[in-house]
Amino acid sequence: MKKKLLAMLLAASMVLALGACGDDAGNNDSSPAPTDGASGQTAAIPAADLKVGLVMIGEENDNGYNYNHMVGMEEAFAACGLDEDTQLVVKRNVGEDASCTTAIQECIEAGCQIIFCNSFGHEQFMIPLAQEYPEIQFCHATGYQAATTENTNDHNYFTKIFEARYLAGIAAGMKAKEIGNPKLGYVGAYPFAEVVSGFTAFYLGAKSVYPEATMEVMYTNSWSSPTLEAQVAQALIDDGCGVISQHSDTTAPATTAEANGAFQVGYNADMISAAPKASLVSARVDWGVYYTFALNCMINGETIPDDWCQGYADGAVYLSPLNEDIVAEGTAEAIEAAEEKFVNEDFHVFSGPLHGYAFDANTGEKTEDWTLPEGEFYDESGTASAPSFCYIIDGITSIIQ
């Protein structure tokens, strides 16, 4: 079976969408994300003949997640010399339901030779179509199943966004320390590994400069809902959180923070224009790094790996500019010192000693204790692109409504 040993690894770690989180043990394997894998690509496609499909959970005017994907695709088209007007088919506001099948089929009918889907729940609809159309390449962001299928033309991609989250957490910790309020808040989408990994990295970054920091997490149970995100942000602020962050797709947490005199760290887009008195900085993904890579694979007739994942040192994740008007003094210097670790040192965000617990993703109830000893690290995204860290560590309170 060509889809190799990742099948067993992912079966254990990708419990994020099932009933429990955190059953995957930490490790100190420093091997990089795989860069090989079976592909259905058999011949190069001239750039002028390539047609690309992009299926999005929302639309680019969210100034968040989908905006970031569209910016990345535009970057890739410019780099590869493609014409967006004639060579790109975009399907917007595609749910994690049967409408995804319809959207992908419409991309196929339009002649797309490669199709990207950008939301976790799209994967279950993409895989059967990949099997039905082996001549087309299918790429899915945030998913984990490509390595376990017999298809040679489906692929997963993600980034080490947890590295940028850690850096953004430093900005949050510095501000929290400045205002004398150690309680941070976090607007999460779902209690899945993708979210848990991100908020844990954010917290560890904050704690690195403000050891007294604690954090409360609440969930919207939606990837993108301005109303729900505003409500959860308000609840966190009402509960005493002076600085909040988010894994959600809109600027609602930023504007809610500003309306309440609190501060905010964003995700996916520079949110300073939306909340200039609240937004400190944002953790961002440059999806253009992957999109350029994948399109060049098509143009050059090269293999697209089963799993692709790059991080800060590769330019795949980064921070938006600091809001110099409101960040705490010394923030830039603290972030620069941490950046140096990612670029020139063998630095791992999830390094022991850490203690926490695995939990039931439906109820939030603890299922077992978890400990990562000093001297060891959890190799997040080291063997697969999708996040797998799914433990609630000491100092974080996770509230599943």
Foldseek 3Di string as FASTA:
>chain_A
DFLPPVQVVCVQQQCQVPFWADRDAFFFDQFAADDDGFALQDDFDAQARAAEEEEELADLVQLFDNVLVVLLLVLLCVVSVHDCVQRYHYHHNQHLDCSLLVRVVVSVVSPHQEYEYEDASSVVSVVVVCVVCLSHAYEYEQYRCLSPDPRRRYAYEYEPLLLLLLLLLLLVLLLCVVVVHQEEEEEEAALGLQRQSNVLSSPLSSCVNPVVHFYEYEHLVHQEDLVSSLVRLVVSVVVPHQEYEYRHTHCSSQLSNLVVVGAYEYEAHFCCVVHVNHYFKYKHFSSNVVSNVVSVCNNGSHGDHRAYYYYDLVVGIDMDDGSVVRGHPPSVVSSVVSSCCVNPHPDASFADQWKFFMAGRVARHGDGIGGHHHPGGGNANRHHRHGRRNTDTPRYHYDYD
